[in-house]
């Protein structure tokens, strides 16, 4: 990267967050992220109807039904994350703990907002 391009990125306030290996991006991109946010994935997962069905019906991990419910759950979570993030002008949502270095940016927890969105 040229010096001029580097200066433009710094002056524009664009930073890149560093994520841990295996990071799960639920919305947006970690590259050139300026408004990063996280969710407590376990809490959000437990709020979905699919997870409640898995638990209440005793759906076995590895079964076709389990795979289908988990796929539907992940899709529902990503959609809720996108809705909440866009409404709050956030440009990236990852699981809590997946950011190893926020590059000086403030990271916002959207867990409660995403759970509320799931309930709509």
PDB file of N, CA and C in Angstrom:
ATOM      1  N   UNK A   1       0.858  -1.171   0.000  1.00  0.00           N
ATOM      2  CA  UNK A   1       0.000   0.000   0.000  1.00  0.00           C
ATOM      3  C   UNK A   1       0.899   1.227   0.000  1.00  0.00           C
ATOM      4  N   UNK A   2       0.524   2.180  -0.791  1.00  0.00           N
ATOM      5  CA  UNK A   2       1.325   3.396  -0.861  1.00  0.00           C
ATOM      6  C   UNK A   2       1.101   4.231   0.394  1.00  0.00           C
ATOM      7  N   UNK A   3       2.010   5.135   0.633  1.00  0.00           N
ATOM      8  CA  UNK A   3       1.916   6.021   1.788  1.00  0.00           C
ATOM      9  C   UNK A   3       0.657   6.868   1.701  1.00  0.00           C
ATOM     10  N   UNK A   4       0.341   7.350   0.524  1.00  0.00           N
ATOM     11  CA  UNK A   4      -0.843   8.185   0.344  1.00  0.00           C
ATOM     12  C   UNK A   4      -2.107   7.393   0.662  1.00  0.00           C
ATOM     13  N   UNK A   5      -2.198   6.171   0.172  1.00  0.00           N
ATOM     14  CA  UNK A   5      -3.368   5.339   0.450  1.00  0.00           C
ATOM     15  C   UNK A   5      -3.486   5.067   1.946  1.00  0.00           C
ATOM     16  N   UNK A   6      -2.357   4.814   2.608  1.00  0.00           N
ATOM     17  CA  UNK A   6      -2.352   4.577   4.051  1.00  0.00           C
ATOM     18  C   UNK A   6      -2.837   5.802   4.812  1.00  0.00           C
ATOM     19  N   UNK A   7      -2.386   6.978   4.394  1.00  0.00           N
ATOM     20  CA  UNK A   7      -2.831   8.210   5.035  1.00  0.00           C
ATOM     21  C   UNK A   7      -4.321   8.446   4.819  1.00  0.00           C
ATOM     22  N   UNK A   8      -4.806   8.130   3.648  1.00  0.00           N
ATOM     23  CA  UNK A   8      -6.236   8.299   3.379  1.00  0.00           C
ATOM     24  C   UNK A   8      -7.074   7.394   4.273  1.00  0.00           C
ATOM     25  N   UNK A   9      -6.635   6.157   4.462  1.00  0.00           N
ATOM     26  CA  UNK A   9      -7.365   5.232   5.336  1.00  0.00           C
ATOM     27  C   UNK A   9      -7.373   5.729   6.769  1.00  0.00           C
ATOM     28  N   UNK A  10      -6.241   6.206   7.255  1.00  0.00           N
ATOM     29  CA  UNK A  10      -6.157   6.714   8.620  1.00  0.00           C
ATOM     30  C   UNK A  10      -7.017   7.956   8.777  1.00  0.00           C
ATOM     31  N   UNK A  11      -6.938   8.866   7.807  1.00  0.00           N
ATOM     32  CA  UNK A  11      -7.703  10.104   7.921  1.00  0.00           C
ATOM     33  C   UNK A  11      -9.196   9.866   7.786  1.00  0.00           C
ATOM     34  N   UNK A  12      -9.596   8.810   7.105  1.00  0.00           N
ATOM     35  CA  UNK A  12     -11.015   8.502   6.961  1.00  0.00           C
ATOM     36  C   UNK A  12     -11.557   7.770   8.181  1.00  0.00           C
ATOM     37  N   UNK A  13     -10.686   7.395   9.118  1.00  0.00           N
ATOM     38  CA  UNK A  13     -11.129   6.721  10.329  1.00  0.00           C
ATOM     39  C   UNK A  13     -11.446   5.250  10.106  1.00  0.00           C
ATOM     40  N   UNK A  14     -10.928   4.676   9.040  1.00  0.00           N
ATOM     41  CA  UNK A  14     -11.205   3.282   8.744  1.00  0.00           C
ATOM     42  C   UNK A  14     -10.132   2.422   9.387  1.00  0.00           C
ATOM     43  N   UNK A  15     -10.553   1.441  10.121  1.00  0.00           N
ATOM     44  CA  UNK A  15      -9.618   0.528  10.775  1.00  0.00           C
ATOM     45  C   UNK A  15     -10.017  -0.894  10.432  1.00  0.00           C
ATOM     46  N   UNK A  16      -9.126  -1.786  10.694  1.00  0.00           N
ATOM     47  CA  UNK A  16      -9.445  -3.190  10.475  1.00  0.00           C
ATOM     48  C   UNK A  16      -9.328  -3.905  11.807  1.00  0.00           C
ATOM     49  N   UNK A  17     -10.401  -4.563  12.192  1.00  0.00           N
ATOM     50  CA  UNK A  17     -10.345  -5.329  13.428  1.00  0.00           C
ATOM     51  C   UNK A  17      -9.623  -6.637  13.156  1.00  0.00           C
ATOM     52  N   UNK A  18      -9.013  -7.162  14.171  1.00  0.00           N
ATOM     53  CA  UNK A  18      -8.343  -8.461  14.072  1.00  0.00           C
ATOM     54  C   UNK A  18      -9.235  -9.480  14.759  1.00  0.00           C
ATOM     55  N   UNK A  19      -9.432 -10.605  14.093  1.00  0.00           N
ATOM     56  CA  UNK A  19     -10.288 -11.637  14.652  1.00  0.00           C
ATOM     57  C   UNK A  19      -9.506 -12.915  14.911  1.00  0.00           C
ATOM     58  N   UNK A  20     -10.054 -13.719  15.780  1.00  0.00           N
ATOM     59  CA  UNK A  20      -9.434 -15.006  16.098  1.00  0.00           C
ATOM     60  C   UNK A  20      -9.709 -16.002  14.984  1.00  0.00           C
ATOM     61  N   UNK A  21      -8.875 -17.022  14.909  1.00  0.00           N
ATOM     62  CA  UNK A  21      -9.086 -18.102  13.949  1.00  0.00           C
ATOM     63  C   UNK A  21     -10.455 -18.734  14.231  1.00  0.00           C
ATOM     64  N   UNK A  22     -11.207 -19.008  13.208  1.00  0.00           N
ATOM     65  CA  UNK A  22     -12.524 -19.611  13.371  1.00  0.00           C
ATOM     66  C   UNK A  22     -13.618 -18.604  13.664  1.00  0.00           C
ATOM     67  N   UNK A  23     -13.321 -17.337  13.515  1.00  0.00           N
ATOM     68  CA  UNK A  23     -14.307 -16.279  13.751  1.00  0.00           C
ATOM     69  C   UNK A  23     -15.539 -16.509  12.870  1.00  0.00           C
ATOM     70  N   UNK A  24     -16.704 -16.292  13.447  1.00  0.00           N
ATOM     71  CA  UNK A  24     -17.945 -16.408  12.685  1.00  0.00           C
ATOM     72  C   UNK A  24     -18.503 -15.004  12.474  1.00  0.00           C
ATOM     73  N   UNK A  25     -18.552 -14.587  11.210  1.00  0.00           N
ATOM     74  CA  UNK A  25     -19.096 -13.283  10.853  1.00  0.00           C
ATOM     75  C   UNK A  25     -20.581 -13.486  10.549  1.00  0.00           C
ATOM     76  N   UNK A  26     -21.429 -12.825  11.321  1.00  0.00           N
ATOM     77  CA  UNK A  26     -22.873 -12.982  11.179  1.00  0.00           C
ATOM     78  C   UNK A  26     -23.482 -11.907  10.289  1.00  0.00           C
ATOM     79  N   UNK A  27     -22.772 -10.816  10.135  1.00  0.00           N
ATOM     80  CA  UNK A  27     -23.216  -9.740   9.244  1.00  0.00           C
ATOM     81  C   UNK A  27     -22.007  -8.897   8.875  1.00  0.00           C
ATOM     82  N   UNK A  28     -21.953  -8.448   7.640  1.00  0.00           N
ATOM     83  CA  UNK A  28     -20.931  -7.534   7.191  1.00  0.00           C
ATOM     84  C   UNK A  28     -19.591  -8.205   6.954  1.00  0.00           C
ATOM     85  N   UNK A  29     -18.543  -7.430   7.147  1.00  0.00           N
ATOM     86  CA  UNK A  29     -17.181  -7.894   6.899  1.00  0.00           C
ATOM     87  C   UNK A  29     -16.255  -7.295   7.946  1.00  0.00           C
ATOM     88  N   UNK A  30     -15.242  -8.044   8.341  1.00  0.00           N
ATOM     89  CA  UNK A  30     -14.276  -7.526   9.307  1.00  0.00           C
ATOM     90  C   UNK A  30     -13.236  -6.627   8.644  1.00  0.00           C
ATOM     91  N   UNK A  31     -13.129  -6.684   7.340  1.00  0.00           N
ATOM     92  CA  UNK A  31     -12.179  -5.840   6.616  1.00  0.00           C
ATOM     93  C   UNK A  31     -12.715  -4.409   6.563  1.00  0.00           C
ATOM     94  N   UNK A  32     -11.895  -3.472   6.988  1.00  0.00           N
ATOM     95  CA  UNK A  32     -12.265  -2.050   6.973  1.00  0.00           C
ATOM     96  C   UNK A  32     -13.546  -1.751   7.737  1.00  0.00           C
ATOM     97  N   UNK A  33     -13.738  -2.448   8.806  1.00  0.00           N
ATOM     98  CA  UNK A  33     -14.901  -2.274   9.670  1.00  0.00           C
ATOM     99  C   UNK A  33     -14.707  -1.032  10.539  1.00  0.00           C
ATOM    100  N   UNK A  34     -15.719  -0.192  10.640  1.00  0.00           N
ATOM    101  CA  UNK A  34     -15.606   1.003  11.485  1.00  0.00           C
ATOM    102  C   UNK A  34     -16.583   0.993  12.658  1.00  0.00           C
ATOM    103  N   UNK A  35     -17.567   0.115  12.617  1.00  0.00           N
ATOM    104  CA  UNK A  35     -18.574   0.025  13.678  1.00  0.00           C
ATOM    105  C   UNK A  35     -18.798  -1.442  14.059  1.00  0.00           C
ATOM    106  N   UNK A  36     -17.797  -2.088  14.675  1.00  0.00           N
ATOM    107  CA  UNK A  36     -17.925  -3.513  14.991  1.00  0.00           C
ATOM    108  C   UNK A  36     -18.891  -3.776  16.139  1.00  0.00           C
ATOM    109  N   UNK A  37     -19.511  -4.935  16.103  1.00  0.00           N
ATOM    110  CA  UNK A  37     -20.411  -5.333  17.180  1.00  0.00           C
ATOM    111  C   UNK A  37     -20.357  -6.843  17.350  1.00  0.00           C
ATOM    112  N   UNK A  38     -20.832  -7.282  18.514  1.00  0.00           N
ATOM    113  CA  UNK A  38     -20.816  -8.702  18.837  1.00  0.00           C
ATOM    114  C   UNK A  38     -22.164  -9.124  19.380  1.00  0.00           C
ATOM    115  N   UNK A  39     -22.373 -10.453  19.411  1.00  0.00           N
ATOM    116  CA  UNK A  39     -23.513 -11.020  20.121  1.00  0.00           C
ATOM    117  C   UNK A  39     -23.023 -12.210  20.933  1.00  0.00           C
ATOM    118  N   UNK A  40     -23.713 -12.472  22.027  1.00  0.00           N
ATOM    119  CA  UNK A  40     -23.482 -13.698  22.788  1.00  0.00           C
ATOM    120  C   UNK A  40     -24.278 -14.768  22.050  1.00  0.00           C
ATOM    121  N   UNK A  41     -23.568 -15.557  21.247  1.00  0.00           N
ATOM    122  CA  UNK A  41     -24.240 -16.498  20.347  1.00  0.00           C
ATOM    123  C   UNK A  41     -25.091 -17.500  21.102  1.00  0.00           C
ATOM    124  N   UNK A  42     -24.617 -17.982  22.232  1.00  0.00           N
ATOM    125  CA  UNK A  42     -25.365 -18.981  23.009  1.00  0.00           C
ATOM    126  C   UNK A  42     -26.712 -18.408  23.461  1.00  0.00           C
ATOM    127  N   UNK A  43     -26.717 -17.179  23.966  1.00  0.00           N
ATOM    128  CA  UNK A  43     -27.971 -16.559  24.419  1.00  0.00           C
ATOM    129  C   UNK A  43     -28.936 -16.354  23.256  1.00  0.00           C
ATOM    130  N   UNK A  44     -28.396 -15.898  22.131  1.00  0.00           N
ATOM    131  CA  UNK A  44     -29.238 -15.681  20.947  1.00  0.00           C
ATOM    132  C   UNK A  44     -29.780 -17.015  20.449  1.00  0.00           C
ATOM    133  N   UNK A  45     -28.921 -18.018  20.391  1.00  0.00           N
ATOM    134  CA  UNK A  45     -29.311 -19.358  19.949  1.00  0.00           C
ATOM    135  C   UNK A  45     -30.471 -19.882  20.803  1.00  0.00           C
ATOM    136  N   UNK A  46     -30.359 -19.741  22.115  1.00  0.00           N
ATOM    137  CA  UNK A  46     -31.377 -20.250  23.028  1.00  0.00           C
ATOM    138  C   UNK A  46     -32.715 -19.536  22.872  1.00  0.00           C
ATOM    139  N   UNK A  47     -32.714 -18.359  22.255  1.00  0.00           N
ATOM    140  CA  UNK A  47     -33.949 -17.598  22.055  1.00  0.00           C
ATOM    141  C   UNK A  47     -34.688 -17.973  20.773  1.00  0.00           C
ATOM    142  N   UNK A  48     -34.096 -18.825  19.951  1.00  0.00           N
ATOM    143  CA  UNK A  48     -34.737 -19.185  18.680  1.00  0.00           C
ATOM    144  C   UNK A  48     -35.734 -20.325  18.865  1.00  0.00           C
ATOM    145  N   UNK A  49     -36.796 -20.347  18.070  1.00  0.00           N
ATOM    146  CA  UNK A  49     -37.754 -21.458  18.143  1.00  0.00           C
ATOM    147  C   UNK A  49     -37.123 -22.790  17.744  1.00  0.00           C
ATOM    148  N   UNK A  50     -36.154 -22.743  16.840  1.00  0.00           N
ATOM    149  CA  UNK A  50     -35.498 -23.978  16.399  1.00  0.00           C
ATOM    150  C   UNK A  50     -34.725 -24.631  17.549  1.00  0.00           C
ATOM    151  N   UNK A  51     -34.006 -23.832  18.320  1.00  0.00           N
ATOM    152  CA  UNK A  51     -33.244 -24.378  19.441  1.00  0.00           C
ATOM    153  C   UNK A  51     -34.189 -24.920  20.513  1.00  0.00           C
ATOM    154  N   UNK A  52     -35.277 -24.209  20.735  1.00  0.00           N
ATOM    155  CA  UNK A  52     -36.272 -24.666  21.715  1.00  0.00           C
ATOM    156  C   UNK A  52     -36.865 -26.004  21.290  1.00  0.00           C
ATOM    157  N   UNK A  53     -37.081 -26.184  19.987  1.00  0.00           N
ATOM    158  CA  UNK A  53     -37.586 -27.455  19.470  1.00  0.00           C
ATOM    159  C   UNK A  53     -36.546 -28.561  19.662  1.00  0.00           C
ATOM    160  N   UNK A  54     -35.304 -28.265  19.368  1.00  0.00           N
ATOM    161  CA  UNK A  54     -34.233 -29.251  19.547  1.00  0.00           C
ATOM    162  C   UNK A  54     -34.202 -29.729  20.987  1.00  0.00           C
ATOM    163  N   UNK A  55     -34.287 -28.800  21.922  1.00  0.00           N
ATOM    164  CA  UNK A  55     -34.220 -29.149  23.343  1.00  0.00           C
ATOM    165  C   UNK A  55     -35.495 -29.849  23.830  1.00  0.00           C
ATOM    166  N   UNK A  56     -36.657 -29.305  23.482  1.00  0.00           N
ATOM    167  CA  UNK A  56     -37.912 -29.874  24.003  1.00  0.00           C
ATOM    168  C   UNK A  56     -38.232 -31.238  23.400  1.00  0.00           C
ATOM    169  N   UNK A  57     -37.873 -31.441  22.135  1.00  0.00           N
ATOM    170  CA  UNK A  57     -38.157 -32.709  21.468  1.00  0.00           C
ATOM    171  C   UNK A  57     -37.000 -33.705  21.564  1.00  0.00           C
ATOM    172  N   UNK A  58     -35.894 -33.282  22.144  1.00  0.00           N
ATOM    173  CA  UNK A  58     -34.743 -34.168  22.275  1.00  0.00           C
ATOM    174  C   UNK A  58     -34.159 -34.585  20.931  1.00  0.00           C
ATOM    175  N   UNK A  59     -34.119 -33.657  19.989  1.00  0.00           N
ATOM    176  CA  UNK A  59     -33.600 -33.958  18.654  1.00  0.00           C
ATOM    177  C   UNK A  59     -32.103 -34.268  18.772  1.00  0.00           C
ATOM    178  N   UNK A  60     -31.721 -35.402  18.243  1.00  0.00           N
ATOM    179  CA  UNK A  60     -30.345 -35.886  18.361  1.00  0.00           C
ATOM    180  C   UNK A  60     -29.410 -35.190  17.372  1.00  0.00           C
ATOM    181  N   UNK A  61     -28.251 -34.765  17.907  1.00  0.00           N
ATOM    182  CA  UNK A  61     -27.224 -34.184  17.054  1.00  0.00           C
ATOM    183  C   UNK A  61     -26.786 -35.242  16.047  1.00  0.00           C
ATOM    184  N   UNK A  62     -26.642 -34.835  14.796  1.00  0.00           N
ATOM    185  CA  UNK A  62     -26.255 -35.771  13.744  1.00  0.00           C
ATOM    186  C   UNK A  62     -27.436 -36.260  12.928  1.00  0.00           C
ATOM    187  N   UNK A  63     -28.649 -36.048  13.439  1.00  0.00           N
ATOM    188  CA  UNK A  63     -29.831 -36.474  12.688  1.00  0.00           C
ATOM    189  C   UNK A  63     -30.164 -35.446  11.610  1.00  0.00           C
ATOM    190  N   UNK A  64     -30.927 -35.874  10.620  1.00  0.00           N
ATOM    191  CA  UNK A  64     -31.332 -34.974   9.539  1.00  0.00           C
ATOM    192  C   UNK A  64     -32.185 -33.826  10.088  1.00  0.00           C
ATOM    193  N   UNK A  65     -33.046 -34.125  11.036  1.00  0.00           N
ATOM    194  CA  UNK A  65     -33.905 -33.093  11.621  1.00  0.00           C
ATOM    195  C   UNK A  65     -33.057 -32.053  12.362  1.00  0.00           C
ATOM    196  N   UNK A  66     -32.053 -32.512  13.081  1.00  0.00           N
ATOM    197  CA  UNK A  66     -31.159 -31.605  13.799  1.00  0.00           C
ATOM    198  C   UNK A  66     -30.464 -30.670  12.803  1.00  0.00           C
ATOM    199  N   UNK A  67     -29.933 -31.243  11.740  1.00  0.00           N
ATOM    200  CA  UNK A  67     -29.227 -30.451  10.729  1.00  0.00           C
ATOM    201  C   UNK A  67     -30.150 -29.402  10.112  1.00  0.00           C
ATOM    202  N   UNK A  68     -31.383 -29.792   9.824  1.00  0.00           N
ATOM    203  CA  UNK A  68     -32.350 -28.865   9.243  1.00  0.00           C
ATOM    204  C   UNK A  68     -32.680 -27.736  10.222  1.00  0.00           C
ATOM    205  N   UNK A  69     -32.929 -28.091  11.482  1.00  0.00           N
ATOM    206  CA  UNK A  69     -33.264 -27.076  12.486  1.00  0.00           C
ATOM    207  C   UNK A  69     -32.091 -26.119  12.720  1.00  0.00           C
ATOM    208  N   UNK A  70     -30.875 -26.637  12.772  1.00  0.00           N
ATOM    209  CA  UNK A  70     -29.705 -25.784  12.971  1.00  0.00           C
ATOM    210  C   UNK A  70     -29.512 -24.851  11.772  1.00  0.00           C
ATOM    211  N   UNK A  71     -29.723 -25.354  10.581  1.00  0.00           N
ATOM    212  CA  UNK A  71     -29.613 -24.521   9.382  1.00  0.00           C
ATOM    213  C   UNK A  71     -30.640 -23.388   9.415  1.00  0.00           C
ATOM    214  N   UNK A  72     -31.873 -23.718   9.758  1.00  0.00           N
ATOM    215  CA  UNK A  72     -32.926 -22.698   9.864  1.00  0.00           C
ATOM    216  C   UNK A  72     -32.602 -21.692  10.963  1.00  0.00           C
ATOM    217  N   UNK A  73     -32.076 -22.187  12.099  1.00  0.00           N
ATOM    218  CA  UNK A  73     -31.718 -21.323  13.218  1.00  0.00           C
ATOM    219  C   UNK A  73     -30.621 -20.349  12.806  1.00  0.00           C
ATOM    220  N   UNK A  74     -29.582 -20.845  12.151  1.00  0.00           N
ATOM    221  CA  UNK A  74     -28.482 -19.979  11.728  1.00  0.00           C
ATOM    222  C   UNK A  74     -28.956 -18.909  10.754  1.00  0.00           C
ATOM    223  N   UNK A  75     -29.836 -19.281   9.852  1.00  0.00           N
ATOM    224  CA  UNK A  75     -30.394 -18.318   8.910  1.00  0.00           C
ATOM    225  C   UNK A  75     -31.198 -17.249   9.648  1.00  0.00           C
ATOM    226  N   UNK A  76     -32.009 -17.666  10.614  1.00  0.00           N
ATOM    227  CA  UNK A  76     -32.820 -16.733  11.396  1.00  0.00           C
ATOM    228  C   UNK A  76     -31.923 -15.763  12.180  1.00  0.00           C
ATOM    229  N   UNK A  77     -30.853 -16.284  12.781  1.00  0.00           N
ATOM    230  CA  UNK A  77     -29.936 -15.447  13.556  1.00  0.00           C
ATOM    231  C   UNK A  77     -29.241 -14.436  12.657  1.00  0.00           C
ATOM    232  N   UNK A  78     -28.771 -14.864  11.499  1.00  0.00           N
ATOM    233  CA  UNK A  78     -28.092 -13.948  10.577  1.00  0.00           C
ATOM    234  C   UNK A  78     -29.028 -12.846  10.092  1.00  0.00           C
ATOM    235  N   UNK A  79     -30.270 -13.203   9.817  1.00  0.00           N
ATOM    236  CA  UNK A  79     -31.252 -12.204   9.382  1.00  0.00           C
ATOM    237  C   UNK A  79     -31.515 -11.191  10.489  1.00  0.00           C
ATOM    238  N   UNK A  80     -31.677 -11.665  11.713  1.00  0.00           N
ATOM    239  CA  UNK A  80     -31.905 -10.767  12.852  1.00  0.00           C
ATOM    240  C   UNK A  80     -30.688  -9.869  13.078  1.00  0.00           C
ATOM    241  N   UNK A  81     -29.498 -10.422  12.967  1.00  0.00           N
ATOM    242  CA  UNK A  81     -28.272  -9.628  13.115  1.00  0.00           C
ATOM    243  C   UNK A  81     -28.205  -8.535  12.057  1.00  0.00           C
ATOM    244  N   UNK A  82     -28.526  -8.877  10.825  1.00  0.00           N
ATOM    245  CA  UNK A  82     -28.496  -7.895   9.738  1.00  0.00           C
ATOM    246  C   UNK A  82     -29.494  -6.773   9.986  1.00  0.00           C
ATOM    247  N   UNK A  83     -30.689  -7.121  10.406  1.00  0.00           N
ATOM    248  CA  UNK A  83     -31.733  -6.124  10.664  1.00  0.00           C
ATOM    249  C   UNK A  83     -31.300  -5.161  11.760  1.00  0.00           C
ATOM    250  N   UNK A  84     -30.822  -5.715  12.872  1.00  0.00           N
ATOM    251  CA  UNK A  84     -30.403  -4.886  14.008  1.00  0.00           C
ATOM    252  C   UNK A  84     -29.178  -4.051  13.653  1.00  0.00           C
ATOM    253  N   UNK A  85     -28.206  -4.656  12.998  1.00  0.00           N
ATOM    254  CA  UNK A  85     -26.981  -3.942  12.637  1.00  0.00           C
ATOM    255  C   UNK A  85     -27.277  -2.776  11.697  1.00  0.00           C
ATOM    256  N   UNK A  86     -28.080  -3.013  10.693  1.00  0.00           N
ATOM    257  CA  UNK A  86     -28.399  -1.953   9.740  1.00  0.00           C
ATOM    258  C   UNK A  86     -29.181  -0.832  10.405  1.00  0.00           C
ATOM    259  N   UNK A  87     -30.094  -1.172  11.300  1.00  0.00           N
ATOM    260  CA  UNK A  87     -30.873  -0.150  12.005  1.00  0.00           C
ATOM    261  C   UNK A  87     -29.973   0.710  12.898  1.00  0.00           C
ATOM    262  N   UNK A  88     -28.895   0.123  13.404  1.00  0.00           N
ATOM    263  CA  UNK A  88     -27.991   0.844  14.286  1.00  0.00           C
ATOM    264  C   UNK A  88     -26.715   1.315  13.616  1.00  0.00           C
ATOM    265  N   UNK A  89     -26.674   1.284  12.298  1.00  0.00           N
ATOM    266  CA  UNK A  89     -25.500   1.706  11.517  1.00  0.00           C
ATOM    267  C   UNK A  89     -24.230   0.945  11.911  1.00  0.00           C
ATOM    268  N   UNK A  90     -24.376  -0.323  12.238  1.00  0.00           N
ATOM    269  CA  UNK A  90     -23.227  -1.187  12.536  1.00  0.00           C
ATOM    270  C   UNK A  90     -22.833  -1.883  11.240  1.00  0.00           C
ATOM    271  N   UNK A  91     -21.542  -2.060  10.996  1.00  0.00           N
ATOM    272  CA  UNK A  91     -21.134  -2.650   9.719  1.00  0.00           C
ATOM    273  C   UNK A  91     -20.540  -4.054   9.850  1.00  0.00           C
ATOM    274  N   UNK A  92     -20.515  -4.602  11.057  1.00  0.00           N
ATOM    275  CA  UNK A  92     -19.974  -5.941  11.240  1.00  0.00           C
ATOM    276  C   UNK A  92     -20.511  -6.529  12.548  1.00  0.00           C
ATOM    277  N   UNK A  93     -20.955  -7.785  12.498  1.00  0.00           N
ATOM    278  CA  UNK A  93     -21.397  -8.490  13.700  1.00  0.00           C
ATOM    279  C   UNK A  93     -20.699  -9.843  13.736  1.00  0.00           C
ATOM    280  N   UNK A  94     -20.020 -10.121  14.848  1.00  0.00           N
ATOM    281  CA  UNK A  94     -19.361 -11.404  15.066  1.00  0.00           C
ATOM    282  C   UNK A  94     -19.762 -11.923  16.440  1.00  0.00           C
ATOM    283  N   UNK A  95     -19.392 -13.181  16.719  1.00  0.00           N
ATOM    284  CA  UNK A  95     -19.664 -13.741  18.042  1.00  0.00           C
ATOM    285  C   UNK A  95     -18.787 -13.053  19.090  1.00  0.00           C
ATOM    286  N   UNK A  96     -19.328 -12.904  20.284  1.00  0.00           N
ATOM    287  CA  UNK A  96     -18.557 -12.351  21.392  1.00  0.00           C
ATOM    288  C   UNK A  96     -17.322 -13.222  21.606  1.00  0.00           C
ATOM    289  N   UNK A  97     -16.165 -12.587  21.739  1.00  0.00           N
ATOM    290  CA  UNK A  97     -14.919 -13.309  21.934  1.00  0.00           C
ATOM    291  C   UNK A  97     -14.145 -13.557  20.648  1.00  0.00           C
ATOM    292  N   UNK A  98     -14.756 -13.290  19.493  1.00  0.00           N
ATOM    293  CA  UNK A  98     -14.073 -13.532  18.220  1.00  0.00           C
ATOM    294  C   UNK A  98     -13.142 -12.392  17.807  1.00  0.00           C
ATOM    295  N   UNK A  99     -13.259 -11.234  18.437  1.00  0.00           N
ATOM    296  CA  UNK A  99     -12.381 -10.112  18.115  1.00  0.00           C
ATOM    297  C   UNK A  99     -11.176 -10.168  19.045  1.00  0.00           C
ATOM    298  N   UNK A 100      -9.998 -10.282  18.452  1.00  0.00           N
ATOM    299  CA  UNK A 100      -8.780 -10.318  19.258  1.00  0.00           C
ATOM    300  C   UNK A 100      -8.187  -8.926  19.444  1.00  0.00           C
ATOM    301  N   UNK A 101      -8.446  -8.014  18.501  1.00  0.00           N
ATOM    302  CA  UNK A 101      -7.954  -6.653  18.599  1.00  0.00           C
ATOM    303  C   UNK A 101      -8.923  -5.760  17.822  1.00  0.00           C
ATOM    304  N   UNK A 102      -9.571  -4.855  18.527  1.00  0.00           N
ATOM    305  CA  UNK A 102     -10.561  -3.981  17.894  1.00  0.00           C
ATOM    306  C   UNK A 102      -9.925  -2.775  17.220  1.00  0.00           C
ATOM    307  N   UNK A 103      -8.615  -2.667  17.263  1.00  0.00           N
ATOM    308  CA  UNK A 103      -7.941  -1.569  16.586  1.00  0.00           C
ATOM    309  C   UNK A 103      -8.347  -0.204  17.109  1.00  0.00           C
ATOM    310  N   UNK A 104      -8.667  -0.125  18.385  1.00  0.00           N
ATOM    311  CA  UNK A 104      -9.058   1.145  18.986  1.00  0.00           C
ATOM    312  C   UNK A 104     -10.519   1.507  18.794  1.00  0.00           C
ATOM    313  N   UNK A 105     -11.256   0.663  18.105  1.00  0.00           N
ATOM    314  CA  UNK A 105     -12.676   0.931  17.870  1.00  0.00           C
ATOM    315  C   UNK A 105     -13.516   0.440  19.049  1.00  0.00           C
ATOM    316  N   UNK A 106     -14.648   1.085  19.277  1.00  0.00           N
ATOM    317  CA  UNK A 106     -15.574   0.654  20.308  1.00  0.00           C
ATOM    318  C   UNK A 106     -16.429  -0.474  19.754  1.00  0.00           C
ATOM    319  N   UNK A 107     -16.477  -1.581  20.484  1.00  0.00           N
ATOM    320  CA  UNK A 107     -17.268  -2.739  20.072  1.00  0.00           C
ATOM    321  C   UNK A 107     -18.570  -2.734  20.874  1.00  0.00           C
ATOM    322  N   UNK A 108     -19.690  -2.799  20.180  1.00  0.00           N
ATOM    323  CA  UNK A 108     -21.004  -2.751  20.804  1.00  0.00           C
ATOM    324  C   UNK A 108     -21.607  -4.141  20.877  1.00  0.00           C
ATOM    325  N   UNK A 109     -22.191  -4.471  22.027  1.00  0.00           N
ATOM    326  CA  UNK A 109     -22.873  -5.755  22.195  1.00  0.00           C
ATOM    327  C   UNK A 109     -24.332  -5.591  21.770  1.00  0.00           C
ATOM    328  N   UNK A 110     -24.741  -6.363  20.777  1.00  0.00           N
ATOM    329  CA  UNK A 110     -26.105  -6.291  20.247  1.00  0.00           C
ATOM    330  C   UNK A 110     -26.981  -7.463  20.699  1.00  0.00           C
ATOM    331  N   UNK A 111     -26.531  -8.235  21.672  1.00  0.00           N
ATOM    332  CA  UNK A 111     -27.241  -9.443  22.063  1.00  0.00           C
ATOM    333  C   UNK A 111     -28.713  -9.194  22.378  1.00  0.00           C
ATOM    334  N   UNK A 112     -28.997  -8.256  23.257  1.00  0.00           N
ATOM    335  CA  UNK A 112     -30.391  -8.017  23.659  1.00  0.00           C
ATOM    336  C   UNK A 112     -31.242  -7.519  22.493  1.00  0.00           C
ATOM    337  N   UNK A 113     -30.658  -6.706  21.630  1.00  0.00           N
ATOM    338  CA  UNK A 113     -31.408  -6.197  20.472  1.00  0.00           C
ATOM    339  C   UNK A 113     -31.724  -7.330  19.486  1.00  0.00           C
ATOM    340  N   UNK A 114     -30.767  -8.231  19.277  1.00  0.00           N
ATOM    341  CA  UNK A 114     -30.986  -9.352  18.364  1.00  0.00           C
ATOM    342  C   UNK A 114     -32.032 -10.301  18.946  1.00  0.00           C
ATOM    343  N   UNK A 115     -31.978 -10.544  20.246  1.00  0.00           N
ATOM    344  CA  UNK A 115     -32.997 -11.405  20.882  1.00  0.00           C
ATOM    345  C   UNK A 115     -34.374 -10.769  20.743  1.00  0.00           C
ATOM    346  N   UNK A 116     -34.457  -9.462  20.939  1.00  0.00           N
ATOM    347  CA  UNK A 116     -35.735  -8.754  20.767  1.00  0.00           C
ATOM    348  C   UNK A 116     -36.227  -8.878  19.318  1.00  0.00           C
ATOM    349  N   UNK A 117     -35.319  -8.777  18.370  1.00  0.00           N
ATOM    350  CA  UNK A 117     -35.683  -8.908  16.953  1.00  0.00           C
ATOM    351  C   UNK A 117     -36.201 -10.322  16.660  1.00  0.00           C
ATOM    352  N   UNK A 118     -35.606 -11.322  17.283  1.00  0.00           N
ATOM    353  CA  UNK A 118     -36.063 -12.694  17.083  1.00  0.00           C
ATOM    354  C   UNK A 118     -37.492 -12.884  17.588  1.00  0.00           C
ATOM    355  N   UNK A 119     -37.878 -12.107  18.594  1.00  0.00           N
ATOM    356  CA  UNK A 119     -39.203 -12.229  19.178  1.00  0.00           C
ATOM    357  C   UNK A 119     -40.295 -11.530  18.402  1.00  0.00           C
ATOM    358  N   UNK A 120     -39.926 -10.813  17.353  1.00  0.00           N
ATOM    359  CA  UNK A 120     -40.930 -10.084  16.563  1.00  0.00           C
ATOM    360  C   UNK A 120     -41.569 -10.963  15.529  1.00  0.00           C
TER     361      UNK A 120
END
